[in-house]
Amino acid sequence: MLQAACVAPPPVARVEPPLSYPPAARARMLRIAEAEWRDWGARVIVADRSVAPLGENDAAETRPENFPRILAYWRAVDRDGPGAVARNRPLYQAALRGEPSMLWTEPYWSAAFVSYVMRSAGIDRNEFPDAAAHSTYVDAMIAQAARYPDQAPFIPHGVAERAPQPGDLVCADRSGRARLTDWRQRAADAGRFRPMHCDIVVSTGPGVIGAIGGNVRDAVTLTRFPADASGYLAPRAPGAGLGWFAVFENRLGCLPPWGPPCPTVGPIDRSPDS
């Protein structure tokens, strides 16, 4: 997996109570993520297994026909999107002239992809802020859950505390050292950039969780992650390059007045692990 963009602004303070969304919002979110995956060729990889080197059908982000796809993702990022677009438009122009050009190799666009899915599904910035870096929206979701535990649309859980369900976000730390193992550690370190990657869960089954992410093998890709018999994510293999630290429960459609109450959520513990 490729990391998120390397520069992240500090999270914006969220003081307005979050709104409740109908079940259709979650359904749209999943439908959009799956449609993007299919448009990129419906690639599937198995996490933590050796994969073949990039071939002629890989490195899809650099091909001119995919420029409009990633352009749309960056247009959903209000703060940093214009800069990413401005840097890549001349490369696209060169490619159209037949000149050698490597589109979108910088900046990384995995967080922009998640932002695009949320915005296209109708989720407002107050409930999910668009961001060029995963750490920015992760911090915002943690802060909102702490402030509004009964109203927040996304609630953080430790990897051993929740079996992911479709619509949830599963997030991993890509830091080389002192890697996060729990979201509470991130809560104590909020605001500092840390390389991360989050995927959108789209399917679950015995021993496997399917999740779609952007900029994975240079495309929108579905990754099959190993899970235990109860559906909890298995630890990442040594050398995998990243480690799980959070499952963000998606409560779109299950908060009043749209659906039955979500499972009771206790106070958000902001203290770091010992």
Protein backbone atom coordinates (compact mmCIF):
# COMPACT_ATOMS: atom_id res chain seq x y z
CA MET A 1 0.00 0.00 0.00
CA LEU A 2 1.10 3.52 -0.68
CA GLN A 3 1.07 6.15 2.00
CA ALA A 4 -1.04 9.25 2.26
CA ALA A 5 0.17 12.71 1.28
CA CYS A 6 3.21 13.88 3.22
CA VAL A 7 1.90 17.22 4.44
CA ALA A 8 -1.17 17.62 6.62
CA PRO A 9 -2.67 20.77 8.13
CA PRO A 10 -3.71 20.62 11.77
CA PRO A 11 -7.28 19.39 12.20
CA VAL A 12 -9.96 22.05 12.29
CA ALA A 13 -11.79 22.32 15.60
CA ARG A 14 -15.29 20.88 15.26
CA VAL A 15 -17.77 22.51 17.62
CA GLU A 16 -21.05 22.08 15.75
CA PRO A 17 -22.92 18.91 16.71
CA PRO A 18 -22.86 16.35 13.90
CA LEU A 19 -25.97 15.62 11.89
CA SER A 20 -27.65 12.24 11.57
CA TYR A 21 -27.75 10.68 8.09
CA PRO A 22 -30.26 8.23 6.60
CA PRO A 23 -29.32 4.62 5.78
CA ALA A 24 -29.10 5.59 2.10
CA ALA A 25 -25.94 7.57 2.86
CA ARG A 26 -24.08 4.44 3.94
CA ALA A 27 -25.43 2.54 0.95
CA ARG A 28 -24.26 5.31 -1.41
CA MET A 29 -20.85 5.33 0.23
CA LEU A 30 -20.39 1.62 -0.41
CA ARG A 31 -21.86 1.80 -3.89
CA ILE A 32 -19.52 4.62 -4.90
CA ALA A 33 -16.43 2.88 -3.51
CA GLU A 34 -17.30 -0.33 -5.36
CA ALA A 35 -18.06 1.53 -8.59
CA GLU A 36 -14.68 3.26 -8.48
CA TRP A 37 -12.99 -0.08 -7.84
CA ARG A 38 -14.69 -1.61 -10.88
CA ASP A 39 -13.78 1.38 -13.03
CA TRP A 40 -10.13 0.77 -12.16
CA GLY A 41 -10.35 -2.84 -13.32
CA ALA A 42 -11.63 -4.60 -10.16
CA ARG A 43 -8.17 -5.54 -8.93
CA VAL A 44 -7.96 -7.80 -5.89
CA ILE A 45 -4.87 -8.49 -3.80
CA VAL A 46 -4.33 -10.57 -0.67
CA ALA A 47 -2.68 -8.65 2.15
CA ASP A 48 0.73 -9.66 3.47
CA ARG A 49 1.41 -12.04 0.61
CA SER A 50 4.13 -11.62 -1.92
CA VAL A 51 2.80 -10.01 -5.06
CA ALA A 52 4.33 -9.90 -8.50
CA PRO A 53 6.25 -6.79 -9.55
CA LEU A 54 4.28 -4.12 -11.37
CA GLY A 55 3.52 -5.23 -14.90
CA GLU A 56 2.15 -3.52 -17.97
CA ASN A 57 -1.34 -3.49 -16.49
CA ASP A 58 -0.14 -1.90 -13.26
CA ALA A 59 1.08 1.65 -12.56
CA ALA A 60 -2.40 2.66 -13.69
CA GLU A 61 -2.23 6.06 -12.04
CA THR A 62 0.33 7.22 -14.61
CA ARG A 63 -1.83 6.46 -17.65
CA PRO A 64 -3.54 9.47 -19.28
CA GLU A 65 -6.94 7.76 -19.38
CA ASN A 66 -6.95 7.68 -15.57
CA PHE A 67 -6.12 11.36 -15.10
CA PRO A 68 -9.81 12.39 -14.82
CA ARG A 69 -10.43 9.78 -12.12
CA ILE A 70 -7.73 11.06 -9.78
CA LEU A 71 -8.57 14.63 -10.75
CA ALA A 72 -12.05 14.03 -9.33
CA TYR A 73 -10.58 12.71 -6.07
CA TRP A 74 -8.41 15.80 -5.58
CA ARG A 75 -11.28 18.13 -6.44
CA ALA A 76 -12.99 16.76 -3.32
CA VAL A 77 -10.12 18.05 -1.13
CA ASP A 78 -10.78 21.71 -0.61
CA ARG A 79 -7.50 22.80 1.00
CA ASP A 80 -4.81 20.80 -0.78
CA GLY A 81 -6.61 19.60 -3.89
CA PRO A 82 -5.95 22.68 -6.06
CA GLY A 83 -2.20 22.35 -5.57
CA ALA A 84 -2.20 18.68 -6.52
CA VAL A 85 -4.26 19.41 -9.60
CA ALA A 86 -2.02 22.31 -10.65
CA ARG A 87 1.09 20.13 -10.44
CA ASN A 88 -0.42 17.36 -12.56
CA ARG A 89 -2.28 19.27 -15.27
CA PRO A 90 0.97 20.11 -17.15
CA LEU A 91 2.00 16.46 -16.97
CA TYR A 92 -1.32 15.48 -18.50
CA GLN A 93 -0.87 18.05 -21.25
CA ALA A 94 2.56 16.59 -22.00
CA ALA A 95 1.13 13.06 -22.09
CA LEU A 96 -1.54 14.16 -24.56
CA ARG A 97 1.23 15.45 -26.81
CA GLY A 98 2.86 12.03 -26.68
CA GLU A 99 5.71 13.12 -24.44
CA PRO A 100 6.92 10.87 -21.61
CA SER A 101 4.95 11.79 -18.49
CA MET A 102 4.34 10.19 -15.10
CA LEU A 103 1.00 11.41 -13.84
CA TRP A 104 -0.04 11.58 -10.18
CA THR A 105 3.09 9.91 -8.82
CA GLU A 106 3.07 12.85 -6.39
CA PRO A 107 1.25 13.56 -4.19
CA TYR A 108 -0.19 10.32 -2.90
CA TRP A 109 -3.95 10.22 -3.31
CA SER A 110 -5.30 7.53 -0.97
CA ALA A 111 -6.78 10.05 1.51
CA ALA A 112 -8.19 12.08 -1.38
CA PHE A 113 -9.97 8.94 -2.57
CA VAL A 114 -11.67 8.43 0.82
CA SER A 115 -12.60 12.12 0.84
CA TYR A 116 -14.14 11.78 -2.63
CA VAL A 117 -16.23 8.76 -1.60
CA MET A 118 -17.57 10.55 1.48
CA ARG A 119 -18.32 13.78 -0.32
CA SER A 120 -19.95 12.01 -3.27
CA ALA A 121 -22.14 10.07 -0.84
CA GLY A 122 -23.41 13.36 0.57
CA ILE A 123 -21.48 13.36 3.86
CA ASP A 124 -20.78 16.95 4.83
CA ARG A 125 -17.37 18.24 5.90
CA ASN A 126 -18.58 18.74 9.47
CA GLU A 127 -19.21 14.99 9.77
CA PHE A 128 -16.18 13.91 7.70
CA PRO A 129 -13.55 16.51 6.74
CA ASP A 130 -11.87 16.13 3.39
CA ALA A 131 -8.11 15.76 3.71
CA ALA A 132 -4.94 15.11 1.77
CA ALA A 133 -3.62 12.99 4.63
CA HIS A 134 -5.38 10.22 6.53
CA SER A 135 -4.05 11.51 9.86
CA THR A 136 -6.05 14.74 9.41
CA TYR A 137 -9.48 13.13 9.15
CA VAL A 138 -8.54 10.44 11.71
CA ASP A 139 -7.84 13.19 14.25
CA ALA A 140 -11.12 14.91 13.40
CA MET A 141 -13.14 11.69 13.82
CA ILE A 142 -11.51 10.96 17.17
CA ALA A 143 -12.14 14.50 18.41
CA GLN A 144 -15.76 14.49 17.26
CA ALA A 145 -16.42 11.11 18.91
CA ALA A 146 -14.97 12.44 22.17
CA ARG A 147 -17.12 15.56 22.06
CA TYR A 148 -20.34 13.96 20.77
CA PRO A 149 -20.24 10.23 21.60
CA ASP A 150 -24.00 9.85 21.07
CA GLN A 151 -24.12 11.74 17.77
CA ALA A 152 -20.81 11.18 15.99
CA PRO A 153 -21.18 9.19 12.75
CA PHE A 154 -17.79 7.50 13.19
CA ILE A 155 -16.58 5.99 16.46
CA PRO A 156 -13.03 4.68 17.02
CA HIS A 157 -12.42 1.19 18.37
CA GLY A 158 -9.31 -0.81 19.03
CA VAL A 159 -8.63 -3.59 16.55
CA ALA A 160 -9.42 -6.19 19.20
CA GLU A 161 -12.62 -4.38 20.24
CA ARG A 162 -14.68 -4.48 17.04
CA ALA A 163 -15.07 -6.85 14.14
CA PRO A 164 -15.25 -4.57 11.07
CA GLN A 165 -18.54 -4.27 9.21
CA PRO A 166 -19.29 -2.89 5.73
CA GLY A 167 -18.92 0.87 5.79
CA ASP A 168 -16.35 0.90 8.59
CA LEU A 169 -12.89 2.34 8.06
CA VAL A 170 -9.89 0.21 8.97
CA CYS A 171 -6.74 2.24 9.55
CA ALA A 172 -3.08 1.30 9.75
CA ASP A 173 0.06 3.16 10.76
CA ARG A 174 2.88 3.27 8.21
CA SER A 175 5.50 4.80 10.49
CA GLY A 176 8.86 3.14 10.53
CA ARG A 177 9.33 3.36 14.29
CA ALA A 178 7.12 3.58 17.38
CA ARG A 179 4.17 2.42 15.33
CA LEU A 180 0.69 3.02 16.73
CA THR A 181 -1.15 -0.03 17.95
CA ASP A 182 -4.29 1.69 19.26
CA TRP A 183 -6.27 4.80 18.35
CA ARG A 184 -5.88 6.13 21.91
CA GLN A 185 -2.20 6.60 21.23
CA ARG A 186 -3.10 8.76 18.27
CA ALA A 187 -5.52 10.79 20.38
CA ALA A 188 -2.60 11.72 22.62
CA ASP A 189 -0.52 12.70 19.57
CA ALA A 190 -3.22 14.47 17.55
CA GLY A 191 -2.16 17.15 15.11
CA ARG A 192 1.23 15.73 14.19
CA PHE A 193 1.61 14.23 10.77
CA ARG A 194 2.00 10.47 10.76
CA PRO A 195 1.91 8.32 7.61
CA MET A 196 -1.25 6.21 7.64
CA HIS A 197 -3.56 4.36 5.32
CA CYS A 198 -7.29 3.70 5.71
CA ASP A 199 -9.54 1.45 3.62
CA ILE A 200 -13.33 1.23 3.39
CA VAL A 201 -14.70 -2.17 4.41
CA VAL A 202 -17.10 -3.53 1.78
CA SER A 203 -17.43 -7.22 2.69
CA THR A 204 -16.86 -9.67 5.51
CA GLY A 205 -16.71 -13.42 5.60
CA PRO A 206 -15.17 -16.34 7.46
CA GLY A 207 -11.54 -15.47 7.97
CA VAL A 208 -11.45 -12.54 5.55
CA ILE A 209 -12.37 -8.86 5.33
CA GLY A 210 -12.58 -7.11 1.97
CA ALA A 211 -11.73 -3.41 1.93
CA ILE A 212 -11.32 -0.90 -0.88
CA GLY A 213 -8.61 1.74 -0.84
CA GLY A 214 -7.08 4.26 -3.18
CA ASN A 215 -3.47 4.43 -4.36
CA VAL A 216 -3.03 0.75 -3.52
CA ARG A 217 -0.75 -0.72 -6.16
CA ASP A 218 -1.27 2.57 -8.01
CA ALA A 219 -5.02 2.05 -8.40
CA VAL A 220 -8.27 1.72 -6.47
CA THR A 221 -7.88 -1.83 -5.22
CA LEU A 222 -9.80 -4.32 -3.08
CA THR A 223 -7.56 -5.96 -0.50
CA ARG A 224 -8.50 -9.16 1.29
CA PHE A 225 -7.27 -8.93 4.87
CA PRO A 226 -7.07 -12.02 7.09
CA ALA A 227 -9.44 -12.16 10.04
CA ASP A 228 -10.06 -14.64 12.84
CA ALA A 229 -13.11 -16.88 13.12
CA SER A 230 -15.04 -14.09 14.87
CA GLY A 231 -14.30 -11.53 12.19
CA TYR A 232 -11.65 -9.50 13.97
CA LEU A 233 -8.68 -8.32 11.94
CA ALA A 234 -5.64 -10.51 12.27
CA PRO A 235 -2.33 -8.85 13.16
CA ARG A 236 -0.32 -7.74 10.16
CA ALA A 237 2.52 -10.01 9.15
CA PRO A 238 6.07 -8.94 10.08
CA GLY A 239 7.48 -6.79 7.34
CA ALA A 240 4.04 -5.87 5.99
CA GLY A 241 4.97 -2.20 6.16
CA LEU A 242 2.04 -1.13 8.29
CA GLY A 243 0.12 -2.16 11.38
CA TRP A 244 -3.53 -1.81 12.39
CA PHE A 245 -4.40 0.71 15.07
CA ALA A 246 -8.13 1.48 14.65
CA VAL A 247 -11.50 0.39 13.32
CA PHE A 248 -13.85 3.34 12.86
CA GLU A 249 -17.42 2.18 13.31
CA ASN A 250 -19.74 3.67 10.69
CA ARG A 251 -23.01 4.75 12.31
CA LEU A 252 -24.56 6.38 9.25
CA GLY A 253 -28.21 5.35 9.17
CA CYS A 254 -28.40 3.91 12.67
CA LEU A 255 -28.71 7.08 14.72
CA PRO A 256 -32.07 8.71 15.52
CA PRO A 257 -34.37 9.49 13.86
CA TRP A 258 -33.42 7.19 10.99
CA GLY A 259 -32.87 3.86 12.63
CA PRO A 260 -32.59 1.93 15.87
CA PRO A 261 -30.00 3.18 18.34
CA CYS A 262 -26.46 2.05 17.76
CA PRO A 263 -24.76 -0.03 20.44
CA THR A 264 -24.09 2.02 23.54
CA VAL A 265 -20.77 3.84 23.37
CA GLY A 266 -19.04 4.74 26.60
CA PRO A 267 -16.87 7.80 27.17
CA ILE A 268 -14.02 8.10 24.69
CA ASP A 269 -10.78 7.34 26.49
CA ARG A 270 -8.20 9.83 25.23
CA SER A 271 -5.32 8.51 27.32
CA PRO A 272 -2.41 6.70 25.59
CA ASP A 273 -1.80 3.04 26.18
CA SER A 274 0.72 2.24 28.84
